[in-house]
Protein backbone atom coordinates (compact mmCIF):
# COMPACT_ATOMS: atom_id res chain seq x y z
CA MET A 1 -10.95 156.19 36.98
CA PRO A 2 -10.23 152.51 36.32
CA VAL A 3 -6.91 152.35 38.20
CA ARG A 4 -7.15 152.58 41.98
CA ASN A 5 -4.71 152.36 44.83
CA THR A 6 -5.01 149.56 47.36
CA VAL A 7 -3.02 151.29 50.10
CA ARG A 8 -5.83 150.92 52.65
CA ARG A 9 -5.98 147.15 52.09
CA PHE A 10 -2.17 146.90 52.16
CA ILE A 11 -1.92 148.77 55.48
CA ASP A 12 -4.94 147.18 57.18
CA GLU A 13 -4.82 143.58 55.95
CA LYS A 14 -1.21 142.85 55.10
CA LEU A 15 0.79 145.08 57.43
CA LYS A 16 -1.77 145.49 60.23
CA ILE A 17 -0.27 148.81 61.31
CA THR A 18 -1.59 152.35 61.69
CA ARG A 19 -1.37 155.00 59.00
CA TYR A 20 0.99 156.89 61.30
CA GLU A 21 3.35 153.90 61.53
CA PHE A 22 3.22 153.50 57.74
CA SER A 23 4.16 157.17 57.35
CA GLU A 24 7.04 156.89 59.80
CA ARG A 25 8.43 153.73 58.21
CA THR A 26 8.23 154.86 54.59
CA GLY A 27 9.21 158.48 55.14
CA LEU A 28 6.05 159.73 53.41
CA SER A 29 4.25 162.70 54.89
CA LYS A 30 1.18 161.99 56.97
CA THR A 31 -0.82 164.08 54.49
CA THR A 32 0.22 161.83 51.61
CA VAL A 33 -0.45 158.62 53.51
CA TYR A 34 -3.85 159.73 54.81
CA SER A 35 -4.81 160.95 51.36
CA LEU A 36 -3.88 157.66 49.69
CA TYR A 37 -5.59 155.69 52.45
CA ASP A 38 -8.83 157.67 52.30
CA ASN A 39 -9.07 158.10 48.52
CA PRO A 40 -8.51 154.99 46.38
CA GLU A 41 -8.77 157.11 43.24
CA GLN A 42 -5.58 158.96 44.17
CA ILE A 43 -2.65 157.28 42.47
CA PRO A 44 0.69 157.59 44.29
CA ASN A 45 3.28 159.61 42.42
CA GLY A 46 6.58 158.02 41.45
CA ILE A 47 8.42 159.19 44.55
CA ALA A 48 5.78 157.84 46.94
CA LEU A 49 5.51 154.57 45.03
CA ASN A 50 9.29 154.13 45.11
CA LYS A 51 9.48 154.81 48.85
CA ILE A 52 6.76 152.27 49.65
CA CYS A 53 8.09 149.60 47.30
CA ASP A 54 11.68 150.10 48.43
CA TYR A 55 10.87 149.92 52.15
CA TYR A 56 8.60 146.87 51.90
CA LYS A 57 10.43 145.23 48.97
CA ILE A 58 7.23 144.86 46.93
CA GLN A 59 6.15 145.35 43.33
CA PRO A 60 4.00 148.41 42.47
CA GLY A 61 1.21 146.03 41.46
CA GLU A 62 0.64 145.28 45.13
CA LEU A 63 -0.52 148.87 45.59
CA LEU A 64 -2.52 149.39 42.38
CA GLU A 65 -5.41 147.58 40.76
CA TRP A 66 -7.50 148.01 37.67
CA SER A 67 -11.27 148.12 38.03
CA GLU A 68 -14.06 148.43 35.48
CA ASP A 69 -16.04 150.76 37.76
C-alpha cells in the first residue's frame, strides 16, 4: 500500500509521549492507537483522524505519507 501512517514518528519524535498518553489526550481507544502505532499500513479512519487533528491542531498530512514501496 503506497499510503502509510506516520503516527509512530509523530508520537515518538514530535510529541515525545507514550502511546497511552496519546490515547488519553485524543480520546482514541488504546486498541486504535496501538494498532496505528504498530502498523504503518493501517490508515486512520475519518473519526480517528479528526480527533487527532482537532486535538493537536494539525493537518492530516502530518499523519500520512505516500511511499513507492
